[in-house]
Each structure stands twice: as C-alpha cells, then as structure tokens.
Amino acid sequence: MTLFRERDYYFCEHCKNYHFPEQSNEGFRVLGENPEGIKCPHCKIVLNLMTYDDFFQGYQCSKCQGMMFNRTTFRDAIDSQRAKVKAPPEPNNTFDPVELERRTF
C-alpha cells in the first residue's frame, strides 16, 4: 500500500482500495513507521508517522508515547488547542518533581 501523507490514507494499487487509519480519542492518527528512520531519543526505536488533530504532522514513539514535531508545527498545534478552550486556565498549583520523570508503558 502507498501512503499519501498529505491526506493521511493508504491506497492499494492491486485492489484499488483505500485505508484510512483510525484517529484516537486524543486526536492522533498513527500512520506507521517513518521511512526516514528517525528514532526516539529516549527509547532508540524508529518513530511512527502521525498526524495530530487531522492537520499537524509529526512523529510518535510506540513505546513511550512521546511525540516529536518541528518547532513551528508544535507552536501552531499549541496555539490551536489554546484557541479551542472557552474557560480561563486553572490556577497554578505546586507539582511533585516525580511527575516529571519519564515512564515507559
């Protein structure tokens, strides 16, 4: 099957069918391993191509669920999510530094 990255679907030349990968509840659509062979900086495995919110293209690690975007895409994705929020942000509270430690699933 051939991936059409700009449209997030696969097309089979043999049977002439299309495959549209499912989108998760969080808005991620995983498209399979990236052909460039870019690896997760933490897990050292090849990252998957993914699309977030049907628009922002990036990579995701299947092991630690980490994501990688270029800087401009990351900024635009954050701005898009902030624009969707209708209520003011929650007040800041203290955090436990243990929460910042990376966990693998």
PDB file of N, CA and C in Angstrom:
ATOM      1  N   MET A   1       0.836  -1.179   0.000  1.00  0.00           N
ATOM      2  CA  MET A   1       0.000   0.000   0.000  1.00  0.00           C
ATOM      3  C   MET A   1       0.882   1.244   0.000  1.00  0.00           C
ATOM      4  N   THR A   2       0.411   2.254  -0.653  1.00  0.00           N
ATOM      5  CA  THR A   2       1.143   3.508  -0.761  1.00  0.00           C
ATOM      6  C   THR A   2       0.513   4.536   0.162  1.00  0.00           C
ATOM      7  N   LEU A   3       1.345   5.168   0.991  1.00  0.00           N
ATOM      8  CA  LEU A   3       0.870   6.201   1.902  1.00  0.00           C
ATOM      9  C   LEU A   3       0.803   7.534   1.171  1.00  0.00           C
ATOM     10  N   PHE A   4      -0.325   8.203   1.251  1.00  0.00           N
ATOM     11  CA  PHE A   4      -0.470   9.564   0.769  1.00  0.00           C
ATOM     12  C   PHE A   4      -0.474  10.449   2.004  1.00  0.00           C
ATOM     13  N   ARG A   5       0.727  10.886   2.379  1.00  0.00           N
ATOM     14  CA  ARG A   5       0.965  11.583   3.653  1.00  0.00           C
ATOM     15  C   ARG A   5       0.131  12.846   3.780  1.00  0.00           C
ATOM     16  N   GLU A   6      -0.010  13.594   2.702  1.00  0.00           N
ATOM     17  CA  GLU A   6      -0.740  14.852   2.782  1.00  0.00           C
ATOM     18  C   GLU A   6      -2.240  14.651   3.033  1.00  0.00           C
ATOM     19  N   ARG A   7      -2.737  13.432   2.792  1.00  0.00           N
ATOM     20  CA  ARG A   7      -4.159  13.135   3.011  1.00  0.00           C
ATOM     21  C   ARG A   7      -4.386  12.083   4.107  1.00  0.00           C
ATOM     22  N   ASP A   8      -3.324  11.529   4.667  1.00  0.00           N
ATOM     23  CA  ASP A   8      -3.404  10.547   5.760  1.00  0.00           C
ATOM     24  C   ASP A   8      -4.186   9.286   5.407  1.00  0.00           C
ATOM     25  N   TYR A   9      -3.930   8.740   4.237  1.00  0.00           N
ATOM     26  CA  TYR A   9      -4.548   7.467   3.875  1.00  0.00           C
ATOM     27  C   TYR A   9      -3.583   6.647   3.033  1.00  0.00           C
ATOM     28  N   TYR A  10      -3.886   5.358   2.952  1.00  0.00           N
ATOM     29  CA  TYR A  10      -3.128   4.431   2.112  1.00  0.00           C
ATOM     30  C   TYR A  10      -3.989   4.040   0.917  1.00  0.00           C
ATOM     31  N   PHE A  11      -3.323   3.766  -0.209  1.00  0.00           N
ATOM     32  CA  PHE A  11      -4.019   3.295  -1.403  1.00  0.00           C
ATOM     33  C   PHE A  11      -3.321   2.039  -1.908  1.00  0.00           C
ATOM     34  N   CYS A  12      -4.111   1.001  -2.203  1.00  0.00           N
ATOM     35  CA  CYS A  12      -3.569  -0.251  -2.709  1.00  0.00           C
ATOM     36  C   CYS A  12      -3.689  -0.263  -4.229  1.00  0.00           C
ATOM     37  N   GLU A  13      -2.554  -0.352  -4.907  1.00  0.00           N
ATOM     38  CA  GLU A  13      -2.535  -0.393  -6.372  1.00  0.00           C
ATOM     39  C   GLU A  13      -3.162  -1.675  -6.903  1.00  0.00           C
ATOM     40  N   HIS A  14      -3.052  -2.736  -6.136  1.00  0.00           N
ATOM     41  CA  HIS A  14      -3.556  -4.039  -6.586  1.00  0.00           C
ATOM     42  C   HIS A  14      -5.091  -4.098  -6.582  1.00  0.00           C
ATOM     43  N   CYS A  15      -5.692  -3.805  -5.448  1.00  0.00           N
ATOM     44  CA  CYS A  15      -7.157  -3.938  -5.340  1.00  0.00           C
ATOM     45  C   CYS A  15      -7.891  -2.609  -5.473  1.00  0.00           C
ATOM     46  N   LYS A  16      -7.123  -1.506  -5.589  1.00  0.00           N
ATOM     47  CA  LYS A  16      -7.692  -0.163  -5.764  1.00  0.00           C
ATOM     48  C   LYS A  16      -8.549   0.297  -4.575  1.00  0.00           C
ATOM     49  N   ASN A  17      -8.208  -0.169  -3.366  1.00  0.00           N
ATOM     50  CA  ASN A  17      -8.932   0.232  -2.167  1.00  0.00           C
ATOM     51  C   ASN A  17      -8.129   1.243  -1.373  1.00  0.00           C
ATOM     52  N   TYR A  18      -8.837   1.983  -0.547  1.00  0.00           N
ATOM     53  CA  TYR A  18      -8.241   2.969   0.333  1.00  0.00           C
ATOM     54  C   TYR A  18      -8.319   2.470   1.771  1.00  0.00           C
ATOM     55  N   HIS A  19      -7.333   2.873   2.573  1.00  0.00           N
ATOM     56  CA  HIS A  19      -7.361   2.569   4.006  1.00  0.00           C
ATOM     57  C   HIS A  19      -7.105   3.875   4.751  1.00  0.00           C
ATOM     58  N   PHE A  20      -8.040   4.223   5.629  1.00  0.00           N
ATOM     59  CA  PHE A  20      -7.931   5.423   6.441  1.00  0.00           C
ATOM     60  C   PHE A  20      -7.686   4.998   7.887  1.00  0.00           C
ATOM     61  N   PRO A  21      -6.459   5.155   8.409  1.00  0.00           N
ATOM     62  CA  PRO A  21      -6.192   4.771   9.803  1.00  0.00           C
ATOM     63  C   PRO A  21      -7.102   5.524  10.769  1.00  0.00           C
ATOM     64  N   GLU A  22      -7.498   4.840  11.831  1.00  0.00           N
ATOM     65  CA  GLU A  22      -8.398   5.412  12.839  1.00  0.00           C
ATOM     66  C   GLU A  22      -7.696   6.520  13.623  1.00  0.00           C
ATOM     67  N   GLN A  23      -8.484   7.477  14.047  1.00  0.00           N
ATOM     68  CA  GLN A  23      -7.988   8.548  14.897  1.00  0.00           C
ATOM     69  C   GLN A  23      -8.328   8.210  16.347  1.00  0.00           C
ATOM     70  N   SER A  24      -7.363   8.404  17.256  1.00  0.00           N
ATOM     71  CA  SER A  24      -7.595   8.123  18.674  1.00  0.00           C
ATOM     72  C   SER A  24      -8.473   9.212  19.284  1.00  0.00           C
ATOM     73  N   ASN A  25      -8.931   8.969  20.495  1.00  0.00           N
ATOM     74  CA  ASN A  25      -9.748   9.957  21.215  1.00  0.00           C
ATOM     75  C   ASN A  25      -8.979  11.247  21.476  1.00  0.00           C
ATOM     76  N   GLU A  26      -7.660  11.147  21.547  1.00  0.00           N
ATOM     77  CA  GLU A  26      -6.825  12.324  21.807  1.00  0.00           C
ATOM     78  C   GLU A  26      -6.533  13.104  20.533  1.00  0.00           C
ATOM     79  N   GLY A  27      -6.952  12.602  19.374  1.00  0.00           N
ATOM     80  CA  GLY A  27      -6.743  13.320  18.120  1.00  0.00           C
ATOM     81  C   GLY A  27      -5.536  12.876  17.322  1.00  0.00           C
ATOM     82  N   PHE A  28      -4.935  11.723  17.663  1.00  0.00           N
ATOM     83  CA  PHE A  28      -3.756  11.232  16.958  1.00  0.00           C
ATOM     84  C   PHE A  28      -4.146  10.180  15.924  1.00  0.00           C
ATOM     85  N   ARG A  29      -3.560  10.266  14.758  1.00  0.00           N
ATOM     86  CA  ARG A  29      -3.755   9.264  13.718  1.00  0.00           C
ATOM     87  C   ARG A  29      -2.366   8.715  13.371  1.00  0.00           C
ATOM     88  N   VAL A  30      -2.069   7.487  13.816  1.00  0.00           N
ATOM     89  CA  VAL A  30      -0.767   6.868  13.583  1.00  0.00           C
ATOM     90  C   VAL A  30      -0.785   6.211  12.206  1.00  0.00           C
ATOM     91  N   LEU A  31       0.257   6.500  11.406  1.00  0.00           N
ATOM     92  CA  LEU A  31       0.296   6.065  10.014  1.00  0.00           C
ATOM     93  C   LEU A  31       1.337   4.992   9.720  1.00  0.00           C
ATOM     94  N   GLY A  32       2.099   4.568  10.713  1.00  0.00           N
ATOM     95  CA  GLY A  32       3.128   3.547  10.509  1.00  0.00           C
ATOM     96  C   GLY A  32       4.529   4.123  10.612  1.00  0.00           C
ATOM     97  N   GLU A  33       5.522   3.253  10.512  1.00  0.00           N
ATOM     98  CA  GLU A  33       6.921   3.674  10.665  1.00  0.00           C
ATOM     99  C   GLU A  33       7.309   4.722   9.637  1.00  0.00           C
ATOM    100  N   ASN A  34       8.138   5.649  10.080  1.00  0.00           N
ATOM    101  CA  ASN A  34       8.588   6.695   9.169  1.00  0.00           C
ATOM    102  C   ASN A  34       9.687   6.164   8.263  1.00  0.00           C
ATOM    103  N   PRO A  35       9.644   6.503   6.984  1.00  0.00           N
ATOM    104  CA  PRO A  35      10.639   5.999   6.037  1.00  0.00           C
ATOM    105  C   PRO A  35      12.036   6.581   6.239  1.00  0.00           C
ATOM    106  N   GLU A  36      12.125   7.719   6.953  1.00  0.00           N
ATOM    107  CA  GLU A  36      13.427   8.338   7.196  1.00  0.00           C
ATOM    108  C   GLU A  36      14.221   7.609   8.272  1.00  0.00           C
ATOM    109  N   GLY A  37      13.544   6.755   9.050  1.00  0.00           N
ATOM    110  CA  GLY A  37      14.221   6.009  10.105  1.00  0.00           C
ATOM    111  C   GLY A  37      14.556   6.837  11.326  1.00  0.00           C
ATOM    112  N   ILE A  38      13.843   7.937  11.549  1.00  0.00           N
ATOM    113  CA  ILE A  38      14.080   8.789  12.716  1.00  0.00           C
ATOM    114  C   ILE A  38      13.715   8.000  13.970  1.00  0.00           C
ATOM    115  N   LYS A  39      14.635   8.022  14.951  1.00  0.00           N
ATOM    116  CA  LYS A  39      14.445   7.230  16.168  1.00  0.00           C
ATOM    117  C   LYS A  39      14.091   8.094  17.359  1.00  0.00           C
ATOM    118  N   CYS A  40      13.415   7.473  18.304  1.00  0.00           N
ATOM    119  CA  CYS A  40      13.060   8.130  19.559  1.00  0.00           C
ATOM    120  C   CYS A  40      14.354   8.417  20.332  1.00  0.00           C
ATOM    121  N   PRO A  41      14.546   9.658  20.783  1.00  0.00           N
ATOM    122  CA  PRO A  41      15.761   9.972  21.535  1.00  0.00           C
ATOM    123  C   PRO A  41      15.859   9.207  22.844  1.00  0.00           C
ATOM    124  N   HIS A  42      14.722   8.786  23.388  1.00  0.00           N
ATOM    125  CA  HIS A  42      14.730   8.083  24.671  1.00  0.00           C
ATOM    126  C   HIS A  42      14.799   6.567  24.492  1.00  0.00           C
ATOM    127  N   CYS A  43      13.923   6.013  23.645  1.00  0.00           N
ATOM    128  CA  CYS A  43      13.802   4.553  23.509  1.00  0.00           C
ATOM    129  C   CYS A  43      14.686   3.959  22.412  1.00  0.00           C
ATOM    130  N   LYS A  44      15.156   4.796  21.510  1.00  0.00           N
ATOM    131  CA  LYS A  44      16.039   4.365  20.408  1.00  0.00           C
ATOM    132  C   LYS A  44      15.345   3.429  19.415  1.00  0.00           C
ATOM    133  N   ILE A  45      14.000   3.528  19.302  1.00  0.00           N
ATOM    134  CA  ILE A  45      13.292   2.745  18.291  1.00  0.00           C
ATOM    135  C   ILE A  45      12.755   3.707  17.234  1.00  0.00           C
ATOM    136  N   VAL A  46      12.477   3.193  16.049  1.00  0.00           N
ATOM    137  CA  VAL A  46      12.000   4.024  14.946  1.00  0.00           C
ATOM    138  C   VAL A  46      10.620   4.584  15.287  1.00  0.00           C
ATOM    139  N   LEU A  47      10.486   5.884  15.102  1.00  0.00           N
ATOM    140  CA  LEU A  47       9.226   6.564  15.387  1.00  0.00           C
ATOM    141  C   LEU A  47       8.205   6.314  14.282  1.00  0.00           C
ATOM    142  N   ASN A  48       6.937   6.385  14.640  1.00  0.00           N
ATOM    143  CA  ASN A  48       5.850   6.275  13.680  1.00  0.00           C
ATOM    144  C   ASN A  48       5.476   7.658  13.155  1.00  0.00           C
ATOM    145  N   LEU A  49       5.076   7.695  11.890  1.00  0.00           N
ATOM    146  CA  LEU A  49       4.482   8.915  11.362  1.00  0.00           C
ATOM    147  C   LEU A  49       3.125   9.078  12.019  1.00  0.00           C
ATOM    148  N   MET A  50       2.735  10.307  12.310  1.00  0.00           N
ATOM    149  CA  MET A  50       1.409  10.537  12.881  1.00  0.00           C
ATOM    150  C   MET A  50       0.944  11.923  12.507  1.00  0.00           C
ATOM    151  N   THR A  51      -0.364  12.084  12.606  1.00  0.00           N
ATOM    152  CA  THR A  51      -0.986  13.388  12.400  1.00  0.00           C
ATOM    153  C   THR A  51      -1.808  13.689  13.637  1.00  0.00           C
ATOM    154  N   TYR A  52      -1.706  14.914  14.106  1.00  0.00           N
ATOM    155  CA  TYR A  52      -2.466  15.339  15.281  1.00  0.00           C
ATOM    156  C   TYR A  52      -3.548  16.313  14.839  1.00  0.00           C
ATOM    157  N   ASP A  53      -4.749  16.079  15.286  1.00  0.00           N
ATOM    158  CA  ASP A  53      -5.880  16.962  15.008  1.00  0.00           C
ATOM    159  C   ASP A  53      -6.148  17.102  13.507  1.00  0.00           C
ATOM    160  N   ASP A  54      -5.847  16.041  12.757  1.00  0.00           N
ATOM    161  CA  ASP A  54      -6.043  15.998  11.301  1.00  0.00           C
ATOM    162  C   ASP A  54      -5.316  17.097  10.543  1.00  0.00           C
ATOM    163  N   PHE A  55      -4.303  17.690  11.149  1.00  0.00           N
ATOM    164  CA  PHE A  55      -3.603  18.766  10.460  1.00  0.00           C
ATOM    165  C   PHE A  55      -2.106  18.796  10.739  1.00  0.00           C
ATOM    166  N   PHE A  56      -1.707  18.595  11.981  1.00  0.00           N
ATOM    167  CA  PHE A  56      -0.315  18.774  12.379  1.00  0.00           C
ATOM    168  C   PHE A  56       0.453  17.468  12.228  1.00  0.00           C
ATOM    169  N   GLN A  57       1.447  17.449  11.350  1.00  0.00           N
ATOM    170  CA  GLN A  57       2.211  16.235  11.076  1.00  0.00           C
ATOM    171  C   GLN A  57       3.433  16.158  11.976  1.00  0.00           C
ATOM    172  N   GLY A  58       3.694  14.937  12.484  1.00  0.00           N
ATOM    173  CA  GLY A  58       4.833  14.730  13.354  1.00  0.00           C
ATOM    174  C   GLY A  58       5.145  13.250  13.480  1.00  0.00           C
ATOM    175  N   TYR A  59       5.777  12.880  14.596  1.00  0.00           N
ATOM    176  CA  TYR A  59       6.197  11.511  14.854  1.00  0.00           C
ATOM    177  C   TYR A  59       5.774  11.120  16.261  1.00  0.00           C
ATOM    178  N   GLN A  60       5.582   9.815  16.476  1.00  0.00           N
ATOM    179  CA  GLN A  60       5.225   9.321  17.799  1.00  0.00           C
ATOM    180  C   GLN A  60       5.951   8.012  18.070  1.00  0.00           C
ATOM    181  N   CYS A  61       6.424   7.862  19.321  1.00  0.00           N
ATOM    182  CA  CYS A  61       7.081   6.633  19.743  1.00  0.00           C
ATOM    183  C   CYS A  61       6.014   5.648  20.222  1.00  0.00           C
ATOM    184  N   SER A  62       6.058   4.436  19.701  1.00  0.00           N
ATOM    185  CA  SER A  62       5.066   3.431  20.088  1.00  0.00           C
ATOM    186  C   SER A  62       5.330   2.872  21.489  1.00  0.00           C
ATOM    187  N   LYS A  63       6.530   3.101  22.012  1.00  0.00           N
ATOM    188  CA  LYS A  63       6.858   2.575  23.343  1.00  0.00           C
ATOM    189  C   LYS A  63       6.537   3.579  24.448  1.00  0.00           C
ATOM    190  N   CYS A  64       7.117   4.764  24.397  1.00  0.00           N
ATOM    191  CA  CYS A  64       6.921   5.745  25.471  1.00  0.00           C
ATOM    192  C   CYS A  64       5.815   6.756  25.156  1.00  0.00           C
ATOM    193  N   GLN A  65       5.250   6.683  23.962  1.00  0.00           N
ATOM    194  CA  GLN A  65       4.179   7.580  23.517  1.00  0.00           C
ATOM    195  C   GLN A  65       4.637   9.030  23.382  1.00  0.00           C
ATOM    196  N   GLY A  66       5.960   9.257  23.356  1.00  0.00           N
ATOM    197  CA  GLY A  66       6.476  10.602  23.147  1.00  0.00           C
ATOM    198  C   GLY A  66       6.180  11.077  21.733  1.00  0.00           C
ATOM    199  N   MET A  67       6.106  12.387  21.563  1.00  0.00           N
ATOM    200  CA  MET A  67       5.833  12.959  20.251  1.00  0.00           C
ATOM    201  C   MET A  67       6.956  13.887  19.847  1.00  0.00           C
ATOM    202  N   MET A  68       7.127  14.031  18.538  1.00  0.00           N
ATOM    203  CA  MET A  68       8.144  14.919  18.013  1.00  0.00           C
ATOM    204  C   MET A  68       7.541  15.705  16.852  1.00  0.00           C
ATOM    205  N   PHE A  69       7.619  17.029  16.952  1.00  0.00           N
ATOM    206  CA  PHE A  69       7.180  17.934  15.895  1.00  0.00           C
ATOM    207  C   PHE A  69       8.320  18.898  15.614  1.00  0.00           C
ATOM    208  N   ASN A  70       8.300  19.532  14.437  1.00  0.00           N
ATOM    209  CA  ASN A  70       9.254  20.621  14.278  1.00  0.00           C
ATOM    210  C   ASN A  70       8.721  21.801  15.086  1.00  0.00           C
ATOM    211  N   ARG A  71       9.553  22.780  15.347  1.00  0.00           N
ATOM    212  CA  ARG A  71       9.188  23.859  16.267  1.00  0.00           C
ATOM    213  C   ARG A  71       7.953  24.639  15.818  1.00  0.00           C
ATOM    214  N   THR A  72       7.890  24.946  14.535  1.00  0.00           N
ATOM    215  CA  THR A  72       6.761  25.722  14.022  1.00  0.00           C
ATOM    216  C   THR A  72       5.461  24.948  14.162  1.00  0.00           C
ATOM    217  N   THR A  73       5.479  23.661  13.820  1.00  0.00           N
ATOM    218  CA  THR A  73       4.285  22.828  13.934  1.00  0.00           C
ATOM    219  C   THR A  73       3.860  22.713  15.390  1.00  0.00           C
ATOM    220  N   PHE A  74       4.818  22.533  16.291  1.00  0.00           N
ATOM    221  CA  PHE A  74       4.498  22.428  17.715  1.00  0.00           C
ATOM    222  C   PHE A  74       3.821  23.701  18.215  1.00  0.00           C
ATOM    223  N   ARG A  75       4.385  24.847  17.857  1.00  0.00           N
ATOM    224  CA  ARG A  75       3.808  26.127  18.275  1.00  0.00           C
ATOM    225  C   ARG A  75       2.386  26.284  17.727  1.00  0.00           C
ATOM    226  N   ASP A  76       2.201  25.947  16.450  1.00  0.00           N
ATOM    227  CA  ASP A  76       0.875  26.070  15.841  1.00  0.00           C
ATOM    228  C   ASP A  76      -0.133  25.120  16.481  1.00  0.00           C
ATOM    229  N   ALA A  77       0.296  23.913  16.838  1.00  0.00           N
ATOM    230  CA  ALA A  77      -0.603  22.951  17.495  1.00  0.00           C
ATOM    231  C   ALA A  77      -1.012  23.455  18.878  1.00  0.00           C
ATOM    232  N   ILE A  78      -0.075  24.012  19.625  1.00  0.00           N
ATOM    233  CA  ILE A  78      -0.385  24.564  20.947  1.00  0.00           C
ATOM    234  C   ILE A  78      -1.343  25.746  20.815  1.00  0.00           C
ATOM    235  N   ASP A  79      -1.071  26.637  19.863  1.00  0.00           N
ATOM    236  CA  ASP A  79      -1.957  27.789  19.649  1.00  0.00           C
ATOM    237  C   ASP A  79      -3.362  27.337  19.274  1.00  0.00           C
ATOM    238  N   SER A  80      -3.464  26.310  18.453  1.00  0.00           N
ATOM    239  CA  SER A  80      -4.760  25.781  18.032  1.00  0.00           C
ATOM    240  C   SER A  80      -5.532  25.230  19.226  1.00  0.00           C
ATOM    241  N   GLN A  81      -4.853  24.469  20.092  1.00  0.00           N
ATOM    242  CA  GLN A  81      -5.512  23.912  21.266  1.00  0.00           C
ATOM    243  C   GLN A  81      -5.948  25.005  22.247  1.00  0.00           C
ATOM    244  N   ARG A  82      -5.101  26.004  22.420  1.00  0.00           N
ATOM    245  CA  ARG A  82      -5.453  27.105  23.328  1.00  0.00           C
ATOM    246  C   ARG A  82      -6.655  27.889  22.806  1.00  0.00           C
ATOM    247  N   ALA A  83      -6.766  28.044  21.502  1.00  0.00           N
ATOM    248  CA  ALA A  83      -7.878  28.782  20.909  1.00  0.00           C
ATOM    249  C   ALA A  83      -9.207  28.063  21.114  1.00  0.00           C
ATOM    250  N   LYS A  84      -9.184  26.746  21.291  1.00  0.00           N
ATOM    251  CA  LYS A  84     -10.402  25.961  21.471  1.00  0.00           C
ATOM    252  C   LYS A  84     -10.958  26.037  22.891  1.00  0.00           C
ATOM    253  N   VAL A  85     -10.123  26.435  23.850  1.00  0.00           N
ATOM    254  CA  VAL A  85     -10.527  26.461  25.258  1.00  0.00           C
ATOM    255  C   VAL A  85     -11.415  27.670  25.513  1.00  0.00           C
ATOM    256  N   LYS A  86     -12.537  27.436  26.163  1.00  0.00           N
ATOM    257  CA  LYS A  86     -13.509  28.503  26.428  1.00  0.00           C
ATOM    258  C   LYS A  86     -13.391  29.089  27.832  1.00  0.00           C
ATOM    259  N   ALA A  87     -12.842  28.346  28.764  1.00  0.00           N
ATOM    260  CA  ALA A  87     -12.757  28.793  30.155  1.00  0.00           C
ATOM    261  C   ALA A  87     -11.345  29.306  30.458  1.00  0.00           C
ATOM    262  N   PRO A  88     -11.220  30.143  31.478  1.00  0.00           N
ATOM    263  CA  PRO A  88      -9.870  30.589  31.869  1.00  0.00           C
ATOM    264  C   PRO A  88      -9.059  29.410  32.401  1.00  0.00           C
ATOM    265  N   PRO A  89      -7.733  29.519  32.350  1.00  0.00           N
ATOM    266  CA  PRO A  89      -6.906  28.412  32.834  1.00  0.00           C
ATOM    267  C   PRO A  89      -7.060  28.198  34.340  1.00  0.00           C
ATOM    268  N   GLU A  90      -6.816  26.971  34.747  1.00  0.00           N
ATOM    269  CA  GLU A  90      -6.833  26.631  36.174  1.00  0.00           C
ATOM    270  C   GLU A  90      -5.678  27.358  36.860  1.00  0.00           C
ATOM    271  N   PRO A  91      -5.864  27.754  38.122  1.00  0.00           N
ATOM    272  CA  PRO A  91      -4.755  28.397  38.832  1.00  0.00           C
ATOM    273  C   PRO A  91      -3.585  27.421  38.991  1.00  0.00           C
ATOM    274  N   ASN A  92      -2.398  27.978  38.973  1.00  0.00           N
ATOM    275  CA  ASN A  92      -1.210  27.140  39.149  1.00  0.00           C
ATOM    276  C   ASN A  92      -1.197  26.546  40.545  1.00  0.00           C
ATOM    277  N   ASN A  93      -0.775  25.293  40.618  1.00  0.00           N
ATOM    278  CA  ASN A  93      -0.604  24.661  41.921  1.00  0.00           C
ATOM    279  C   ASN A  93       0.788  24.045  41.949  1.00  0.00           C
ATOM    280  N   THR A  94       1.218  23.658  43.110  1.00  0.00           N
ATOM    281  CA  THR A  94       2.548  23.074  43.213  1.00  0.00           C
ATOM    282  C   THR A  94       2.549  21.698  42.559  1.00  0.00           C
ATOM    283  N   PHE A  95       3.683  21.304  42.095  1.00  0.00           N
ATOM    284  CA  PHE A  95       3.813  20.000  41.460  1.00  0.00           C
ATOM    285  C   PHE A  95       4.876  19.193  42.171  1.00  0.00           C
ATOM    286  N   ASP A  96       4.770  17.907  42.009  1.00  0.00           N
ATOM    287  CA  ASP A  96       5.734  16.978  42.572  1.00  0.00           C
ATOM    288  C   ASP A  96       6.777  16.702  41.492  1.00  0.00           C
ATOM    289  N   PRO A  97       8.073  16.955  41.739  1.00  0.00           N
ATOM    290  CA  PRO A  97       9.100  16.721  40.729  1.00  0.00           C
ATOM    291  C   PRO A  97       9.094  15.290  40.190  1.00  0.00           C
ATOM    292  N   VAL A  98       8.567  14.350  40.943  1.00  0.00           N
ATOM    293  CA  VAL A  98       8.490  12.958  40.481  1.00  0.00           C
ATOM    294  C   VAL A  98       7.590  12.871  39.245  1.00  0.00           C
ATOM    295  N   GLU A  99       6.600  13.773  39.133  1.00  0.00           N
ATOM    296  CA  GLU A  99       5.701  13.772  37.984  1.00  0.00           C
ATOM    297  C   GLU A  99       6.441  14.037  36.675  1.00  0.00           C
ATOM    298  N   LEU A 100       7.596  14.663  36.751  1.00  0.00           N
ATOM    299  CA  LEU A 100       8.361  14.983  35.547  1.00  0.00           C
ATOM    300  C   LEU A 100       9.242  13.831  35.081  1.00  0.00           C
ATOM    301  N   GLU A 101       9.364  12.777  35.875  1.00  0.00           N
ATOM    302  CA  GLU A 101      10.190  11.642  35.482  1.00  0.00           C
ATOM    303  C   GLU A 101       9.490  10.860  34.367  1.00  0.00           C
ATOM    304  N   ARG A 102      10.268  10.433  33.389  1.00  0.00           N
ATOM    305  CA  ARG A 102       9.727   9.697  32.245  1.00  0.00           C
ATOM    306  C   ARG A 102       9.357   8.291  32.653  1.00  0.00           C
ATOM    307  N   ARG A 103       8.187   7.862  32.225  1.00  0.00           N
ATOM    308  CA  ARG A 103       7.739   6.490  32.473  1.00  0.00           C
ATOM    309  C   ARG A 103       7.515   5.822  31.123  1.00  0.00           C
ATOM    310  N   THR A 104       7.850   4.549  31.055  1.00  0.00           N
ATOM    311  CA  THR A 104       7.545   3.785  29.840  1.00  0.00           C
ATOM    312  C   THR A 104       6.369   2.893  30.131  1.00  0.00           C
ATOM    313  N   PHE A 105       5.573   2.665  29.120  1.00  0.00           N
ATOM    314  CA  PHE A 105       4.348   1.886  29.274  1.00  0.00           C
ATOM    315  C   PHE A 105       4.548   0.473  28.772  1.00  0.00           C
TER     316      PHE A 105
END
